[in-house]
Amino acid sequence: MVTEVARGCLSTGWALSLTSAHVLQVAGFFEERAQDEIFGTDGDFRAASTVAPVGVARPDGDGHVVLGRPLLHALRRTDPERG
């Protein structure tokens, strides 16, 4: 599908390939509970960059405390003007 989209518009094809791959990275890095929160009920999610946790998370009650700099550039809802 990405190839077909790219035939019509290289930029759109590139963006589609990146966002598709980054969604898979989020799914691979995070447990189901976090994925439910990130992807929401409709799955409308786009990751503008790669997911690369840089730091350590430790359990704290019902959540976690993150030490370091986690890197997750994501847009929960993307509008056409932002990509």
N, C-alpha and C. Protein backbone atom coordinates (compact mmCIF):
# COMPACT_ATOMS: atom_id res chain seq x y z
N MET A 1 0.81 -1.17 0.00
CA MET A 1 0.00 0.00 0.00
C MET A 1 0.87 1.25 0.00
N VAL A 2 1.94 1.27 0.77
CA VAL A 2 2.81 2.45 0.83
C VAL A 2 3.36 2.78 -0.56
N THR A 3 3.74 1.76 -1.29
CA THR A 3 4.28 1.97 -2.64
C THR A 3 3.24 2.64 -3.53
N GLU A 4 2.02 2.19 -3.45
CA GLU A 4 0.96 2.78 -4.28
C GLU A 4 0.71 4.23 -3.90
N VAL A 5 0.68 4.52 -2.61
CA VAL A 5 0.50 5.90 -2.15
C VAL A 5 1.66 6.76 -2.63
N ALA A 6 2.89 6.24 -2.53
CA ALA A 6 4.07 6.99 -2.93
C ALA A 6 4.10 7.27 -4.43
N ARG A 7 3.47 6.42 -5.21
CA ARG A 7 3.39 6.70 -6.65
C ARG A 7 2.63 7.98 -6.93
N GLY A 8 1.65 8.26 -6.07
CA GLY A 8 0.88 9.49 -6.24
C GLY A 8 1.55 10.69 -5.60
N CYS A 9 2.23 10.46 -4.47
CA CYS A 9 2.89 11.56 -3.75
C CYS A 9 4.00 10.96 -2.90
N LEU A 10 5.24 11.27 -3.27
CA LEU A 10 6.38 10.72 -2.53
C LEU A 10 6.38 11.14 -1.06
N SER A 11 6.05 12.38 -0.78
CA SER A 11 6.05 12.87 0.60
C SER A 11 5.02 12.12 1.45
N THR A 12 3.84 11.94 0.91
CA THR A 12 2.80 11.23 1.64
C THR A 12 3.19 9.77 1.85
N GLY A 13 3.78 9.15 0.84
CA GLY A 13 4.24 7.78 0.97
C GLY A 13 5.31 7.64 2.04
N TRP A 14 6.23 8.60 2.10
CA TRP A 14 7.28 8.58 3.11
C TRP A 14 6.67 8.72 4.51
N ALA A 15 5.76 9.68 4.66
CA ALA A 15 5.12 9.88 5.96
C ALA A 15 4.33 8.64 6.38
N LEU A 16 3.64 8.02 5.44
CA LEU A 16 2.88 6.81 5.74
C LEU A 16 3.80 5.67 6.18
N SER A 17 4.93 5.52 5.50
CA SER A 17 5.85 4.45 5.87
C SER A 17 6.42 4.67 7.27
N LEU A 18 6.75 5.92 7.59
CA LEU A 18 7.29 6.21 8.91
C LEU A 18 6.26 6.01 10.01
N THR A 19 5.07 6.57 9.82
CA THR A 19 4.06 6.44 10.86
C THR A 19 3.63 5.00 11.05
N SER A 20 3.59 4.23 9.99
CA SER A 20 3.24 2.81 10.11
C SER A 20 4.30 2.06 10.90
N ALA A 21 5.56 2.31 10.60
CA ALA A 21 6.64 1.62 11.31
C ALA A 21 6.70 2.04 12.77
N HIS A 22 6.45 3.31 13.04
CA HIS A 22 6.54 3.79 14.41
C HIS A 22 5.40 3.27 15.27
N VAL A 23 4.26 3.04 14.69
CA VAL A 23 3.16 2.42 15.44
C VAL A 23 3.57 1.02 15.88
N LEU A 24 4.24 0.29 15.01
CA LEU A 24 4.72 -1.04 15.37
C LEU A 24 5.76 -0.97 16.48
N GLN A 25 6.60 0.05 16.47
CA GLN A 25 7.59 0.21 17.54
C GLN A 25 6.91 0.47 18.88
N VAL A 26 5.90 1.31 18.88
CA VAL A 26 5.16 1.57 20.13
C VAL A 26 4.54 0.27 20.63
N ALA A 27 3.96 -0.50 19.72
CA ALA A 27 3.34 -1.77 20.11
C ALA A 27 4.37 -2.75 20.66
N GLY A 28 5.59 -2.69 20.17
CA GLY A 28 6.63 -3.60 20.63
C GLY A 28 7.28 -3.19 21.93
N PHE A 29 7.29 -1.88 22.24
CA PHE A 29 7.97 -1.39 23.44
C PHE A 29 7.08 -1.38 24.68
N PHE A 30 5.77 -1.20 24.49
CA PHE A 30 4.90 -0.96 25.63
C PHE A 30 3.92 -2.10 25.88
N GLU A 31 3.60 -2.32 27.15
CA GLU A 31 2.66 -3.35 27.53
C GLU A 31 1.24 -2.94 27.10
N GLU A 32 0.33 -3.90 27.19
CA GLU A 32 -1.03 -3.70 26.67
C GLU A 32 -1.74 -2.51 27.31
N ARG A 33 -1.56 -2.31 28.59
CA ARG A 33 -2.23 -1.20 29.28
C ARG A 33 -1.78 0.15 28.70
N ALA A 34 -0.49 0.30 28.48
CA ALA A 34 0.04 1.53 27.90
C ALA A 34 -0.44 1.69 26.46
N GLN A 35 -0.46 0.60 25.70
CA GLN A 35 -0.94 0.66 24.32
C GLN A 35 -2.40 1.11 24.27
N ASP A 36 -3.22 0.61 25.20
CA ASP A 36 -4.63 1.03 25.25
C ASP A 36 -4.73 2.53 25.43
N GLU A 37 -3.88 3.08 26.28
CA GLU A 37 -3.90 4.52 26.53
C GLU A 37 -3.36 5.30 25.32
N ILE A 38 -2.28 4.81 24.74
CA ILE A 38 -1.66 5.51 23.61
C ILE A 38 -2.55 5.47 22.37
N PHE A 39 -3.06 4.29 22.04
CA PHE A 39 -3.83 4.14 20.81
C PHE A 39 -5.29 4.57 20.96
N GLY A 40 -5.79 4.62 22.19
CA GLY A 40 -7.18 5.03 22.41
C GLY A 40 -8.15 3.97 21.93
N THR A 41 -9.42 4.31 21.97
CA THR A 41 -10.45 3.34 21.60
C THR A 41 -10.57 3.14 20.10
N ASP A 42 -10.16 4.13 19.33
CA ASP A 42 -10.31 4.01 17.87
C ASP A 42 -9.00 3.71 17.15
N GLY A 43 -7.89 3.70 17.86
CA GLY A 43 -6.60 3.38 17.24
C GLY A 43 -6.03 4.50 16.39
N ASP A 44 -6.63 5.69 16.44
CA ASP A 44 -6.15 6.81 15.64
C ASP A 44 -4.91 7.40 16.30
N PHE A 45 -3.76 6.98 15.80
CA PHE A 45 -2.49 7.36 16.40
C PHE A 45 -1.43 7.47 15.31
N ARG A 46 -0.58 8.45 15.44
CA ARG A 46 0.55 8.57 14.52
C ARG A 46 1.77 8.95 15.34
N ALA A 47 2.86 8.28 15.12
CA ALA A 47 4.11 8.61 15.81
C ALA A 47 4.97 9.40 14.85
N ALA A 48 5.28 10.62 15.22
CA ALA A 48 6.05 11.49 14.33
C ALA A 48 7.53 11.15 14.33
N SER A 49 7.97 10.39 15.28
CA SER A 49 9.36 10.01 15.36
C SER A 49 9.46 8.64 15.98
N THR A 50 10.64 8.19 16.17
CA THR A 50 10.85 6.86 16.71
C THR A 50 10.63 6.81 18.22
N VAL A 51 10.36 5.65 18.71
CA VAL A 51 10.21 5.43 20.14
C VAL A 51 11.52 4.81 20.62
N ALA A 52 12.21 5.51 21.48
CA ALA A 52 13.46 4.99 22.00
C ALA A 52 13.58 5.38 23.47
N PRO A 53 13.09 4.55 24.36
CA PRO A 53 13.19 4.90 25.78
C PRO A 53 14.65 5.04 26.21
N VAL A 54 14.98 6.17 26.77
CA VAL A 54 16.33 6.41 27.27
C VAL A 54 16.19 6.74 28.75
N GLY A 55 16.36 5.75 29.59
CA GLY A 55 16.21 5.95 31.02
C GLY A 55 15.73 4.66 31.66
N VAL A 56 15.26 4.80 32.88
CA VAL A 56 14.80 3.66 33.65
C VAL A 56 13.45 4.00 34.26
N ALA A 57 12.52 3.06 34.19
CA ALA A 57 11.22 3.23 34.83
C ALA A 57 11.13 2.24 35.98
N ARG A 58 10.66 2.74 37.12
CA ARG A 58 10.47 1.83 38.25
C ARG A 58 9.02 1.92 38.70
N PRO A 59 8.45 0.78 39.11
CA PRO A 59 7.06 0.77 39.59
C PRO A 59 6.89 1.73 40.76
N ASP A 60 5.74 2.40 40.79
CA ASP A 60 5.40 3.31 41.87
C ASP A 60 3.89 3.31 42.04
N GLY A 61 3.40 2.50 42.96
CA GLY A 61 1.95 2.38 43.13
C GLY A 61 1.34 1.74 41.91
N ASP A 62 0.34 2.41 41.33
CA ASP A 62 -0.32 1.90 40.13
C ASP A 62 0.37 2.34 38.84
N GLY A 63 1.41 3.15 38.96
CA GLY A 63 2.09 3.65 37.76
C GLY A 63 3.59 3.40 37.83
N HIS A 64 4.34 4.30 37.17
CA HIS A 64 5.79 4.19 37.13
C HIS A 64 6.41 5.57 37.28
N VAL A 65 7.62 5.61 37.80
CA VAL A 65 8.42 6.82 37.83
C VAL A 65 9.53 6.62 36.82
N VAL A 66 9.69 7.58 35.91
CA VAL A 66 10.71 7.48 34.87
C VAL A 66 11.90 8.35 35.25
N LEU A 67 13.06 7.75 35.27
CA LEU A 67 14.30 8.46 35.53
C LEU A 67 15.10 8.50 34.24
N GLY A 68 15.52 9.66 33.83
CA GLY A 68 16.21 9.80 32.56
C GLY A 68 15.35 10.63 31.61
N ARG A 69 15.57 10.43 30.34
CA ARG A 69 14.81 11.18 29.34
C ARG A 69 14.11 10.22 28.38
N PRO A 70 12.86 9.85 28.64
CA PRO A 70 12.17 9.01 27.67
C PRO A 70 11.93 9.80 26.39
N LEU A 71 12.06 9.17 25.27
CA LEU A 71 11.89 9.83 23.99
C LEU A 71 10.72 9.19 23.27
N LEU A 72 9.63 9.91 23.19
CA LEU A 72 8.47 9.44 22.44
C LEU A 72 7.79 10.66 21.87
N HIS A 73 8.06 10.94 20.63
CA HIS A 73 7.40 12.04 19.96
C HIS A 73 6.17 11.45 19.28
N ALA A 74 5.02 11.82 19.76
CA ALA A 74 3.81 11.26 19.20
C ALA A 74 2.71 12.30 19.21
N LEU A 75 1.85 12.19 18.27
CA LEU A 75 0.68 13.05 18.20
C LEU A 75 -0.54 12.16 18.40
N ARG A 76 -1.25 12.35 19.47
CA ARG A 76 -2.42 11.52 19.76
C ARG A 76 -3.47 11.71 18.67
N ARG A 77 -3.71 12.92 18.34
CA ARG A 77 -4.61 13.23 17.22
C ARG A 77 -3.82 14.12 16.28
N THR A 78 -3.80 13.78 15.06
CA THR A 78 -3.03 14.56 14.09
C THR A 78 -3.99 15.30 13.19
N ASP A 79 -3.78 16.60 13.06
CA ASP A 79 -4.59 17.36 12.12
C ASP A 79 -3.80 17.54 10.84
N PRO A 80 -4.49 17.80 9.74
CA PRO A 80 -3.82 17.89 8.43
C PRO A 80 -2.71 18.91 8.35
N GLU A 81 -2.79 19.98 9.14
CA GLU A 81 -1.78 21.02 9.08
C GLU A 81 -0.50 20.64 9.81
N ARG A 82 -0.58 19.64 10.73
CA ARG A 82 0.60 19.23 11.48
C ARG A 82 1.17 17.92 11.02
N GLY A 83 0.50 17.22 10.12
CA GLY A 83 1.09 16.00 9.59
C GLY A 83 0.53 14.74 10.04
